[in-house]
Amino acid sequence: MYNEFAMRSLRDLTLKTEVLVIGGGAAGLVAALTAAKRSKVLLLAKSPVTESSSAWAQGGIAAAISSEDSPAQHFADTIKAGRGLCDERAVELLVNEAPRAINLLIEWGTEFDRTDGRLSLGREGGHSQRRIVHARGSATGAAVVEALFTRVKNHSNIQLVEGPEVIRLLTQDNLCAGVLAFDSEHEQSLWIRAGAVILATGGASDLYLRRTNPVTSSGSGIALAYDADAEIQDIELIQFHPTALSDAHGSAQLISEAVRGEGAYLLDAHNQRFMPEIHELAELAPRDIVARAIHKQIETTGGVYLSLRHLDSERVQTRFPSLVEACRERGFDFAHDLIPIAPAAHYTIGGVRTDLRGATNIDGLFACGEVACTGVHGANRLASNSLLECVVFGERAGHEASKLVALHTSLNGSGIKDVDNSLDFVLQVSQPEILEMQDQLKQIMTNEVGLFRSQAGLISALTKIAAMRESLNRATQSIKSLRLKQRLQTAELIARAALEREETRGTHARVDFPKEDPKWQRHILLRQERELCSTR
């Protein structure tokens, strides 16, 4: 629902703010709360905040807070999972800030699960210690987002507008000074000027047939940034979660890695465990290894199942109440049935390249959360480092954005020319074939840019994507066609970078280059109207 400020702004078409935050997940909420300490903030969310990817997150937040653990061990586990592509400075910052991030969330109202008064700690794949702080069993994201959202709603310096979606970043002379947005419900365009803009729009998992995130995870923020000439890094690295219910396409019910952390087994179609023969950590191996192993077992034996039968059923009911209920709704007894699972697109590791402050190569433009590439995840994100990244780097982006506004009060977009009737097209009638083309794109990405890739498949994908873009360019434009263009842009970037990386590393697996190659221990950068380049 729009508040009075938002409705007045919609009627005026144009508004100004000191800091504009785009995206209502955990990263956007933290950035907004931090910036609001000394700046006026407009938080723009195209869907309800409680429906963000962050709100869907299950497992928890990694933090070395037990006496048996240390940031150094958390650092080592993160670096190991990242397969040589982590920015060690970013990882060091992340793990050292983790305990304080947990305390900050508690201060802001998050109620984490406790045992005998102490924070309960779980374990997930790739972690050498129990260090996963969780809430409501396996509903950590929802608990965190609700607490942050409550604080945002009550903050006098933050105005929240849900509904409008950004369709262009306003840039000139390498300066971002606002956005063009459109509100479909009111058929109204918005021109928002800002002293600083923070992208927190999430990832791109909805480019695939099966994903664990909301439909809004379309990669729009990556396309917006690329079109504005921002640098895109490591975008070929798409993480597939190993264990999502295999009962449907579209939004797949995620089965948290914390379940395997509590001792659940992965069984093939013959009821035999297979992970102990593949990795020393068995079911708790890094996600890329588990996901590909499951995929191969499904092809070989016909199915893979998650089994909790050997665990204490009362403990299962208490530890994972939301998963118990979700599986019950789908006809499964979580504690006693074999749960059919398969990998699903889950997390976009690459994205808009930022420094340790959350700043991009465009002045006035910051990015945080899944849309950003901070370098902490390398080639394979360690479980439960994502919500942690949202808090640590969301806070930094918010701080730096408000600091920029305070230092340069002239950065209010006044130098950027009006765009007159540039949004007229969005009022025209949409074509029914848009959704069909969107489904075709998902099929292409799943089959040719998915868990396993090849030169032939990637070239085929790029050819098909180019043809779809050309067809779309000839069609009558609408807001739906614009959304599809953004999807096609991000899909093309993923496929281009995947074709360039001729090796298998972390989440990126090439069947024609099945081994990790030392010469590819580097990052792939893409930038508008420039050739692909890579950096060490």
Protein backbone atom coordinates (compact mmCIF):
# COMPACT_ATOMS: atom_id res chain seq x y z
CA MET A 1 0.00 0.00 0.00
CA TYR A 2 1.25 3.48 -0.82
CA ASN A 3 1.60 5.94 2.03
CA GLU A 4 0.58 9.60 1.72
CA PHE A 5 4.06 10.62 0.56
CA ALA A 6 4.08 8.01 -2.18
CA MET A 7 0.63 8.92 -3.50
CA ARG A 8 1.58 12.57 -3.65
CA SER A 9 4.74 11.63 -5.51
CA LEU A 10 2.85 9.51 -8.03
CA ARG A 11 0.55 12.42 -8.86
CA ASP A 12 3.54 14.74 -9.23
CA LEU A 13 5.40 12.24 -11.48
CA THR A 14 8.75 13.59 -10.29
CA LEU A 15 10.29 13.45 -6.83
CA LYS A 16 13.64 13.86 -5.14
CA THR A 17 15.30 12.00 -2.32
CA GLU A 18 18.76 11.93 -0.82
CA VAL A 19 19.25 8.15 -1.00
CA LEU A 20 17.18 5.85 -3.21
CA VAL A 21 17.23 2.12 -2.35
CA ILE A 22 15.86 -0.24 -5.01
CA GLY A 23 14.78 -3.58 -3.54
CA GLY A 24 13.06 -4.66 -0.35
CA GLY A 25 15.01 -7.78 0.65
CA ALA A 26 17.38 -7.99 3.60
CA ALA A 27 20.18 -6.07 1.85
CA GLY A 28 17.86 -3.24 0.80
CA LEU A 29 16.26 -2.99 4.24
CA VAL A 30 19.63 -2.90 6.02
CA ALA A 31 20.97 -0.34 3.53
CA ALA A 32 17.89 1.84 4.02
CA LEU A 33 18.07 1.67 7.82
CA THR A 34 21.77 2.52 7.79
CA ALA A 35 21.46 5.41 5.31
CA ALA A 36 18.47 6.78 7.23
CA LYS A 37 20.67 7.55 10.23
CA ARG A 38 21.59 10.81 8.50
CA SER A 39 19.77 10.91 5.14
CA LYS A 40 16.24 10.94 3.79
CA VAL A 41 15.65 7.56 2.14
CA LEU A 42 13.14 6.38 -0.44
CA LEU A 43 12.85 2.58 -0.51
CA LEU A 44 11.36 1.31 -3.76
CA ALA A 45 10.15 -2.32 -3.90
CA LYS A 46 8.36 -3.72 -6.95
CA SER A 47 6.75 -6.48 -4.86
CA PRO A 48 5.75 -6.74 -1.19
CA VAL A 49 8.80 -6.81 1.07
CA THR A 50 7.63 -10.03 2.71
CA GLU A 51 7.80 -11.79 -0.69
CA SER A 52 11.50 -11.14 -1.31
CA SER A 53 14.11 -13.87 -1.79
CA SER A 54 15.48 -12.99 1.64
CA ALA A 55 12.11 -13.74 3.20
CA TRP A 56 12.23 -17.19 1.58
CA ALA A 57 15.70 -17.98 2.95
CA GLN A 58 15.68 -20.98 5.27
CA GLY A 59 18.98 -22.12 6.70
CA GLY A 60 20.37 -19.21 8.67
CA ILE A 61 23.34 -16.87 9.00
CA ALA A 62 26.91 -18.04 9.40
CA ALA A 63 28.91 -16.48 12.23
CA ALA A 64 31.83 -17.75 14.30
CA ILE A 65 30.47 -17.13 17.78
CA SER A 66 31.08 -20.40 19.62
CA SER A 67 34.16 -21.03 21.76
CA GLU A 68 35.20 -23.87 19.42
CA ASP A 69 35.03 -21.61 16.35
CA SER A 70 36.84 -18.53 15.04
CA PRO A 71 36.62 -16.05 12.16
CA ALA A 72 39.83 -17.64 10.86
CA GLN A 73 38.08 -21.01 10.50
CA HIS A 74 35.05 -19.34 8.89
CA PHE A 75 37.48 -17.59 6.51
CA ALA A 76 39.18 -20.87 5.61
CA ASP A 77 35.88 -22.63 4.89
CA THR A 78 34.68 -19.75 2.70
CA ILE A 79 37.94 -19.62 0.74
CA LYS A 80 37.93 -23.40 0.24
CA ALA A 81 34.40 -23.39 -1.13
CA GLY A 82 35.20 -20.43 -3.42
CA ARG A 83 37.73 -22.43 -5.44
CA GLY A 84 40.31 -19.69 -5.86
CA LEU A 85 38.00 -16.86 -6.92
CA CYS A 86 37.23 -15.24 -3.55
CA ASP A 87 38.43 -11.72 -2.84
CA GLU A 88 40.28 -12.44 0.40
CA ARG A 89 39.87 -8.86 1.63
CA ALA A 90 36.10 -9.11 1.23
CA VAL A 91 35.99 -12.53 2.93
CA GLU A 92 38.08 -11.28 5.85
CA LEU A 93 35.70 -8.36 6.26
CA LEU A 94 32.67 -10.64 6.07
CA VAL A 95 33.77 -13.19 8.68
CA ASN A 96 35.17 -10.62 11.11
CA GLU A 97 31.96 -8.59 10.95
CA ALA A 98 29.70 -11.65 11.29
CA PRO A 99 29.33 -11.69 15.12
CA ARG A 100 28.54 -7.97 15.15
CA ALA A 101 26.01 -8.48 12.33
CA ILE A 102 24.16 -11.04 14.45
CA ASN A 103 24.10 -8.63 17.40
CA LEU A 104 22.84 -5.85 15.13
CA LEU A 105 19.96 -8.01 13.89
CA ILE A 106 19.08 -8.90 17.49
CA GLU A 107 19.17 -5.20 18.39
CA TRP A 108 16.83 -4.54 15.46
CA GLY A 109 14.32 -7.12 16.65
CA THR A 110 15.24 -10.51 15.19
CA GLU A 111 14.53 -13.35 17.61
CA PHE A 112 16.96 -16.18 16.85
CA ASP A 113 16.45 -19.69 18.20
CA ARG A 114 18.12 -20.37 21.52
CA THR A 115 18.97 -23.38 23.68
CA ASP A 116 19.32 -22.80 27.41
CA GLY A 117 19.50 -19.08 26.75
CA ARG A 118 22.31 -19.32 24.20
CA LEU A 119 22.00 -18.96 20.43
CA SER A 120 21.42 -22.35 18.84
CA LEU A 121 23.98 -23.20 16.17
CA GLY A 122 23.46 -25.51 13.20
CA ARG A 123 25.87 -26.87 10.64
CA GLU A 124 25.63 -26.85 6.86
CA GLY A 125 27.63 -28.04 3.87
CA GLY A 126 31.24 -26.87 3.65
CA HIS A 127 31.38 -25.65 7.26
CA SER A 128 33.91 -27.22 9.63
CA GLN A 129 32.01 -26.04 12.72
CA ARG A 130 28.45 -25.53 13.91
CA ARG A 131 28.08 -21.80 13.24
CA ILE A 132 24.67 -21.31 11.60
CA VAL A 133 22.44 -18.99 13.64
CA HIS A 134 18.79 -19.64 12.76
CA ALA A 135 15.27 -18.52 13.61
CA ARG A 136 11.95 -20.40 13.74
CA GLY A 137 13.78 -23.57 12.82
CA SER A 138 14.16 -23.15 9.07
CA ALA A 139 12.44 -19.80 8.54
CA THR A 140 15.36 -17.51 9.30
CA GLY A 141 14.88 -15.23 6.31
CA ALA A 142 11.26 -14.53 7.16
CA ALA A 143 12.13 -13.70 10.78
CA VAL A 144 14.94 -11.35 9.75
CA VAL A 145 12.91 -9.57 7.06
CA GLU A 146 9.89 -9.12 9.33
CA ALA A 147 12.04 -7.54 12.05
CA LEU A 148 13.79 -5.22 9.58
CA PHE A 149 10.51 -4.34 7.86
CA THR A 150 8.90 -3.38 11.17
CA ARG A 151 11.80 -1.05 11.88
CA VAL A 152 11.69 0.44 8.36
CA LYS A 153 7.94 1.13 8.58
CA ASN A 154 8.42 3.04 11.81
CA HIS A 155 11.44 5.08 10.72
CA SER A 156 10.74 8.76 10.18
CA ASN A 157 13.51 9.13 7.60
CA ILE A 158 12.35 6.26 5.35
CA GLN A 159 9.51 6.35 2.85
CA LEU A 160 8.51 2.95 1.44
CA VAL A 161 6.81 2.61 -1.94
CA GLU A 162 5.77 -0.89 -3.04
CA GLY A 163 4.71 -1.51 -6.63
CA PRO A 164 6.67 0.66 -9.10
CA GLU A 165 9.52 -1.06 -10.92
CA VAL A 166 12.65 0.66 -12.17
CA ILE A 167 13.10 0.51 -15.93
CA ARG A 168 16.18 2.71 -16.34
CA LEU A 169 19.01 4.17 -14.31
CA LEU A 170 19.50 7.86 -15.11
CA THR A 171 23.19 8.41 -15.80
CA GLN A 172 25.29 11.09 -17.42
CA ASP A 173 29.07 11.55 -17.46
CA ASN A 174 29.51 8.43 -15.31
CA LEU A 175 27.13 9.76 -12.66
CA CYS A 176 23.94 8.01 -11.56
CA ALA A 177 21.49 10.61 -10.31
CA GLY A 178 18.18 8.79 -10.23
CA VAL A 179 15.90 6.38 -12.03
CA LEU A 180 12.90 6.11 -14.30
CA ALA A 181 10.24 3.82 -12.87
CA PHE A 182 6.76 2.69 -13.81
CA ASP A 183 3.77 1.80 -11.66
CA SER A 184 1.58 -0.69 -13.54
CA GLU A 185 -1.34 -0.48 -11.12
CA HIS A 186 -1.81 3.25 -11.65
CA GLU A 187 -0.36 3.32 -15.20
CA GLN A 188 1.93 6.07 -14.01
CA SER A 189 5.57 6.83 -14.68
CA LEU A 190 7.99 8.15 -12.07
CA TRP A 191 11.16 10.12 -12.47
CA ILE A 192 13.07 9.89 -9.22
CA ARG A 193 16.13 12.08 -8.66
CA ALA A 194 18.57 10.99 -5.95
CA GLY A 195 21.90 11.96 -4.50
CA ALA A 196 22.84 8.26 -4.36
CA VAL A 197 21.22 5.08 -5.66
CA ILE A 198 21.60 1.63 -4.07
CA LEU A 199 20.71 -1.44 -6.13
CA ALA A 200 19.46 -4.32 -3.97
CA THR A 201 17.22 -6.08 -6.50
CA GLY A 202 18.24 -9.70 -5.92
CA GLY A 203 19.37 -12.39 -8.32
CA ALA A 204 18.34 -14.12 -11.53
CA SER A 205 17.19 -17.64 -10.63
CA ASP A 206 13.79 -17.16 -12.30
CA LEU A 207 15.58 -17.40 -15.64
CA TYR A 208 15.42 -21.18 -15.07
CA LEU A 209 12.53 -23.65 -15.10
CA ARG A 210 13.04 -24.68 -11.49
CA ARG A 211 14.10 -22.16 -8.87
CA THR A 212 13.89 -21.70 -5.12
CA ASN A 213 13.20 -17.96 -5.24
CA PRO A 214 10.23 -15.72 -6.05
CA VAL A 215 9.33 -14.84 -9.64
CA THR A 216 10.81 -11.40 -9.03
CA SER A 217 14.32 -12.94 -9.12
CA SER A 218 14.50 -12.05 -12.81
CA GLY A 219 17.94 -10.46 -13.06
CA SER A 220 16.45 -7.02 -13.75
CA GLY A 221 18.96 -5.17 -11.58
CA ILE A 222 21.89 -6.73 -13.44
CA ALA A 223 20.37 -5.68 -16.78
CA LEU A 224 19.71 -2.15 -15.49
CA ALA A 225 23.29 -1.78 -14.29
CA TYR A 226 24.78 -3.22 -17.49
CA ASP A 227 22.71 -0.88 -19.64
CA ALA A 228 24.03 2.01 -17.55
CA ASP A 229 27.63 0.87 -18.26
CA ALA A 230 28.32 -0.72 -14.88
CA GLU A 231 30.79 -3.60 -14.69
CA ILE A 232 29.33 -7.11 -14.37
CA GLN A 233 31.59 -9.75 -12.82
CA ASP A 234 31.45 -13.56 -12.50
CA ILE A 235 27.90 -13.67 -13.86
CA GLU A 236 28.43 -17.18 -15.25
CA LEU A 237 28.50 -18.51 -11.69
CA ILE A 238 24.93 -19.60 -10.91
CA GLN A 239 24.49 -21.78 -7.83
CA PHE A 240 21.97 -24.61 -7.92
CA HIS A 241 20.68 -25.73 -4.54
CA PRO A 242 21.04 -29.53 -4.32
CA THR A 243 17.82 -30.30 -2.47
CA ALA A 244 14.53 -28.86 -3.70
CA LEU A 245 11.36 -30.92 -3.90
CA SER A 246 11.19 -32.43 -7.39
CA ASP A 247 7.38 -32.36 -7.60
CA ALA A 248 7.01 -29.40 -9.97
CA HIS A 249 8.57 -26.76 -12.20
CA GLY A 250 8.49 -23.09 -11.27
CA SER A 251 8.94 -22.27 -7.61
CA ALA A 252 10.37 -25.41 -5.99
CA GLN A 253 10.09 -25.98 -2.26
CA LEU A 254 13.60 -25.68 -0.90
CA ILE A 255 14.76 -28.26 1.63
CA SER A 256 17.31 -26.40 3.73
CA GLU A 257 20.89 -27.59 3.86
CA ALA A 258 20.47 -27.47 7.62
CA VAL A 259 18.48 -30.70 7.30
CA ARG A 260 21.60 -32.50 6.08
CA GLY A 261 23.52 -30.63 8.76
CA GLU A 262 21.37 -32.43 11.33
CA GLY A 263 22.18 -35.80 9.77
CA ALA A 264 19.75 -36.43 6.88
CA TYR A 265 20.92 -38.84 4.16
CA LEU A 266 20.76 -38.65 0.37
CA LEU A 267 19.61 -41.95 -1.13
CA ASP A 268 19.50 -43.10 -4.74
CA ALA A 269 16.55 -44.92 -6.29
CA HIS A 270 17.83 -48.15 -4.71
CA ASN A 271 17.80 -46.63 -1.22
CA GLN A 272 21.60 -46.48 -1.10
CA ARG A 273 23.72 -43.55 0.08
CA PHE A 274 26.11 -42.32 -2.61
CA MET A 275 27.75 -39.15 -1.26
CA PRO A 276 30.30 -40.90 1.05
CA GLU A 277 32.01 -42.31 -2.06
CA ILE A 278 32.12 -38.90 -3.75
CA HIS A 279 33.40 -36.57 -1.02
CA GLU A 280 34.92 -36.86 2.45
CA LEU A 281 32.15 -34.65 3.88
CA ALA A 282 29.48 -36.86 2.28
CA GLU A 283 26.10 -35.07 2.40
CA LEU A 284 27.82 -31.96 3.75
CA ALA A 285 30.13 -31.47 0.77
CA PRO A 286 30.03 -28.06 -0.95
CA ARG A 287 26.83 -27.36 -2.87
CA ASP A 288 28.30 -27.58 -6.36
CA ILE A 289 29.58 -31.09 -5.70
CA VAL A 290 26.33 -32.28 -4.11
CA ALA A 291 24.13 -30.74 -6.82
CA ARG A 292 26.03 -32.36 -9.68
CA ALA A 293 26.18 -35.69 -7.86
CA ILE A 294 22.41 -35.65 -7.39
CA HIS A 295 21.83 -34.73 -11.03
CA LYS A 296 23.97 -37.64 -12.21
CA GLN A 297 22.25 -40.07 -9.82
CA ILE A 298 18.84 -39.03 -11.10
CA GLU A 299 19.99 -39.70 -14.67
CA THR A 300 21.56 -43.03 -13.67
CA THR A 301 19.10 -44.54 -11.19
CA GLY A 302 15.95 -42.52 -11.85
CA GLY A 303 15.67 -40.51 -8.64
CA VAL A 304 17.25 -39.18 -5.45
CA TYR A 305 15.57 -38.91 -2.05
CA LEU A 306 16.22 -37.16 1.22
CA SER A 307 15.77 -39.47 4.21
CA LEU A 308 15.30 -38.47 7.86
CA ARG A 309 13.90 -41.85 8.93
CA HIS A 310 16.95 -42.64 11.06
CA LEU A 311 16.67 -39.36 12.99
CA ASP A 312 14.58 -38.66 16.07
CA SER A 313 11.16 -37.67 14.68
CA GLU A 314 10.36 -35.41 17.63
CA ARG A 315 13.62 -33.55 17.10
CA VAL A 316 12.81 -33.19 13.38
CA GLN A 317 9.36 -31.75 14.18
CA THR A 318 10.85 -29.25 16.63
CA ARG A 319 13.85 -28.22 14.55
CA PHE A 320 12.10 -27.81 11.18
CA PRO A 321 8.44 -26.90 11.79
CA SER A 322 7.99 -24.89 8.57
CA LEU A 323 9.46 -27.68 6.42
CA VAL A 324 7.31 -30.27 8.15
CA GLU A 325 4.23 -28.20 7.30
CA ALA A 326 5.34 -27.44 3.73
CA CYS A 327 5.91 -31.12 3.01
CA ARG A 328 2.63 -32.10 4.66
CA GLU A 329 0.82 -29.72 2.29
CA ARG A 330 2.42 -31.61 -0.60
CA GLY A 331 1.52 -35.03 0.75
CA PHE A 332 4.80 -35.99 2.43
CA ASP A 333 5.58 -36.91 6.02
CA PHE A 334 8.88 -35.08 6.42
CA ALA A 335 10.16 -37.22 9.29
CA HIS A 336 9.23 -40.63 7.84
CA ASP A 337 8.80 -40.48 4.04
CA LEU A 338 11.50 -40.49 1.43
CA ILE A 339 11.39 -36.94 0.04
CA PRO A 340 12.06 -36.75 -3.73
CA ILE A 341 14.51 -33.96 -4.46
CA ALA A 342 16.41 -32.45 -7.40
CA PRO A 343 18.65 -29.40 -7.86
CA ALA A 344 17.05 -26.02 -8.60
CA ALA A 345 18.48 -22.61 -9.54
CA HIS A 346 19.12 -20.85 -6.28
CA TYR A 347 21.69 -18.07 -6.09
CA THR A 348 23.39 -15.67 -8.48
CA ILE A 349 27.00 -15.50 -7.31
CA GLY A 350 28.15 -12.92 -9.85
CA GLY A 351 26.55 -9.56 -10.50
CA VAL A 352 27.30 -5.85 -10.39
CA ARG A 353 30.92 -5.44 -9.43
CA THR A 354 31.50 -3.44 -6.23
CA ASP A 355 34.35 -2.53 -3.97
CA LEU A 356 34.38 -3.11 -0.22
CA ARG A 357 32.19 -0.02 0.27
CA GLY A 358 29.47 -1.30 -2.05
CA ALA A 359 30.41 1.28 -4.69
CA THR A 360 30.30 0.45 -8.41
CA ASN A 361 32.35 1.99 -11.24
CA ILE A 362 29.54 4.55 -11.71
CA ASP A 363 29.62 7.52 -9.35
CA GLY A 364 26.59 7.61 -7.09
CA LEU A 365 25.60 3.99 -7.80
CA PHE A 366 26.00 1.33 -5.12
CA ALA A 367 24.96 -2.33 -5.01
CA CYS A 368 24.51 -4.90 -2.24
CA GLY A 369 23.00 -8.32 -1.70
CA GLU A 370 22.54 -10.89 -4.44
CA VAL A 371 22.58 -8.36 -7.29
CA ALA A 372 26.15 -7.40 -6.33
CA CYS A 373 29.44 -9.18 -6.81
CA THR A 374 31.53 -8.31 -3.76
CA GLY A 375 33.94 -11.21 -4.25
CA VAL A 376 33.10 -13.00 -1.01
CA HIS A 377 31.61 -16.10 -2.65
CA GLY A 378 34.23 -16.89 -5.26
CA ALA A 379 33.13 -19.69 -7.56
CA ASN A 380 30.77 -21.34 -5.07
CA ARG A 381 28.92 -19.63 -2.22
CA LEU A 382 29.36 -21.23 1.19
CA ALA A 383 26.00 -22.02 2.78
CA SER A 384 24.44 -19.25 4.93
CA ASN A 385 26.96 -16.63 3.88
CA SER A 386 24.30 -14.90 1.76
CA LEU A 387 22.14 -13.32 4.47
CA LEU A 388 25.36 -12.44 6.25
CA GLU A 389 26.57 -10.64 3.11
CA CYS A 390 23.25 -8.77 2.95
CA VAL A 391 23.77 -7.38 6.44
CA VAL A 392 27.51 -6.64 6.28
CA PHE A 393 27.61 -5.11 2.80
CA GLY A 394 24.10 -3.66 2.95
CA GLU A 395 25.23 -1.68 5.98
CA ARG A 396 28.38 -0.53 4.20
CA ALA A 397 26.49 0.52 1.07
CA GLY A 398 23.97 2.46 3.15
CA HIS A 399 26.72 4.19 5.10
CA GLU A 400 28.72 5.14 2.00
CA ALA A 401 25.64 6.35 0.09
CA SER A 402 24.60 8.68 2.93
CA LYS A 403 28.20 9.80 3.31
CA LEU A 404 28.32 10.69 -0.40
CA VAL A 405 25.12 12.69 -0.12
CA ALA A 406 26.47 14.59 2.87
CA LEU A 407 29.75 15.40 1.11
CA HIS A 408 28.25 16.27 -2.27
CA THR A 409 24.85 17.85 -1.79
CA SER A 410 24.88 18.90 -5.46
CA LEU A 411 24.46 15.31 -6.60
CA ASN A 412 20.69 15.60 -6.93
CA GLY A 413 20.22 14.85 -10.62
CA SER A 414 19.78 18.48 -11.60
CA GLY A 415 22.27 18.11 -14.44
CA ILE A 416 20.38 15.30 -16.14
CA LYS A 417 17.94 16.37 -18.81
CA ASP A 418 14.26 15.49 -18.63
CA VAL A 419 13.22 12.46 -20.66
CA ASP A 420 9.85 13.87 -21.73
CA ASN A 421 7.60 11.12 -23.13
CA SER A 422 10.09 8.25 -22.91
CA LEU A 423 7.65 6.06 -20.97
CA ASP A 424 4.61 6.37 -23.25
CA PHE A 425 5.12 2.88 -24.64
CA VAL A 426 4.37 1.19 -21.32
CA LEU A 427 0.70 2.18 -21.60
CA GLN A 428 0.17 0.13 -24.76
CA VAL A 429 -1.42 -3.32 -24.79
CA SER A 430 0.92 -6.25 -24.11
CA GLN A 431 1.27 -9.16 -26.50
CA PRO A 432 0.11 -12.60 -25.34
CA GLU A 433 3.26 -14.22 -26.75
CA ILE A 434 5.48 -12.51 -24.14
CA LEU A 435 4.84 -15.20 -21.52
CA GLU A 436 5.43 -17.92 -24.11
CA MET A 437 8.80 -16.38 -24.99
CA GLN A 438 9.65 -16.13 -21.29
CA ASP A 439 8.98 -19.87 -20.91
CA GLN A 440 11.13 -20.56 -23.97
CA LEU A 441 13.97 -18.61 -22.39
CA LYS A 442 13.71 -20.68 -19.20
CA GLN A 443 13.89 -23.86 -21.26
CA ILE A 444 17.00 -22.58 -23.06
CA MET A 445 18.73 -21.58 -19.85
CA THR A 446 17.88 -24.86 -18.10
CA ASN A 447 18.98 -27.11 -20.98
CA GLU A 448 22.02 -25.22 -22.24
CA VAL A 449 23.20 -22.85 -19.48
CA GLY A 450 22.33 -24.97 -16.45
CA LEU A 451 24.21 -27.37 -14.20
CA PHE A 452 26.28 -28.73 -17.11
CA ARG A 453 27.41 -26.62 -20.05
CA SER A 454 29.24 -27.08 -23.34
CA GLN A 455 30.53 -24.88 -26.15
CA ALA A 456 27.87 -26.16 -28.55
CA GLY A 457 25.07 -25.65 -26.05
CA LEU A 458 26.20 -22.16 -25.07
CA ILE A 459 26.55 -21.03 -28.68
CA SER A 460 23.10 -22.45 -29.37
CA ALA A 461 21.70 -20.57 -26.38
CA LEU A 462 23.27 -17.29 -27.48
CA THR A 463 21.91 -17.73 -31.01
CA LYS A 464 18.40 -18.36 -29.71
CA ILE A 465 18.55 -15.47 -27.26
CA ALA A 466 19.70 -13.12 -30.04
CA ALA A 467 16.80 -14.24 -32.23
CA MET A 468 14.35 -13.64 -29.40
CA ARG A 469 15.75 -10.18 -28.78
CA GLU A 470 15.43 -9.32 -32.47
CA SER A 471 11.84 -10.58 -32.54
CA LEU A 472 11.04 -8.54 -29.45
CA ASN A 473 12.57 -5.41 -30.95
CA ARG A 474 10.10 -5.66 -33.85
CA ALA A 475 7.09 -6.08 -31.57
CA THR A 476 4.97 -3.33 -30.07
CA GLN A 477 6.66 -2.34 -26.83
CA SER A 478 4.99 -2.69 -23.45
CA ILE A 479 6.01 -3.04 -19.84
CA LYS A 480 5.91 -6.83 -20.24
CA SER A 481 8.14 -6.72 -23.30
CA LEU A 482 10.57 -4.51 -21.37
CA ARG A 483 10.69 -7.04 -18.54
CA LEU A 484 11.46 -9.78 -21.04
CA LYS A 485 14.20 -7.66 -22.62
CA GLN A 486 15.82 -7.35 -19.21
CA ARG A 487 15.63 -11.12 -18.76
CA LEU A 488 17.14 -11.69 -22.20
CA GLN A 489 19.94 -9.23 -21.45
CA THR A 490 20.91 -10.96 -18.21
CA ALA A 491 20.59 -14.42 -19.80
CA GLU A 492 22.90 -13.35 -22.61
CA LEU A 493 25.50 -12.09 -20.13
CA ILE A 494 25.42 -15.41 -18.24
CA ALA A 495 25.83 -17.43 -21.45
CA ARG A 496 28.59 -15.17 -22.82
CA ALA A 497 30.65 -15.45 -19.67
CA ALA A 498 30.01 -19.20 -19.41
CA LEU A 499 31.27 -19.64 -22.98
CA GLU A 500 34.40 -17.66 -22.16
CA ARG A 501 35.30 -19.69 -19.05
CA GLU A 502 36.80 -22.87 -20.53
CA GLU A 503 37.10 -24.95 -17.38
CA THR A 504 35.04 -26.45 -14.55
CA ARG A 505 35.28 -24.45 -11.34
CA GLY A 506 32.77 -24.25 -8.49
CA THR A 507 29.23 -23.83 -9.79
CA HIS A 508 30.42 -23.58 -13.43
CA ALA A 509 30.76 -27.01 -15.06
CA ARG A 510 31.81 -27.47 -18.68
CA VAL A 511 31.52 -31.03 -20.00
CA ASP A 512 34.06 -30.14 -22.71
CA PHE A 513 36.47 -28.73 -20.10
CA PRO A 514 35.83 -31.00 -17.09
CA LYS A 515 38.82 -29.94 -14.98
CA GLU A 516 39.78 -26.84 -13.05
CA ASP A 517 42.40 -24.89 -15.01
CA PRO A 518 44.91 -22.66 -13.13
CA LYS A 519 44.98 -20.14 -15.97
CA TRP A 520 41.26 -19.48 -15.33
CA GLN A 521 41.78 -18.53 -11.70
CA ARG A 522 40.56 -15.05 -12.66
CA HIS A 523 37.37 -13.05 -12.98
CA ILE A 524 35.38 -12.38 -16.13
CA LEU A 525 34.19 -8.79 -16.55
CA LEU A 526 31.52 -7.58 -18.96
CA ARG A 527 30.75 -3.96 -19.69
CA GLN A 528 28.50 -2.25 -22.22
CA GLU A 529 29.98 -2.03 -25.73
CA ARG A 530 33.31 -3.50 -24.63
CA GLU A 531 34.94 -6.83 -25.22
CA LEU A 532 35.06 -9.50 -22.55
CA CYS A 533 38.03 -9.10 -20.26
CA SER A 534 39.36 -10.92 -17.24
CA THR A 535 41.30 -9.92 -14.14
CA ARG A 536 43.40 -11.84 -11.69
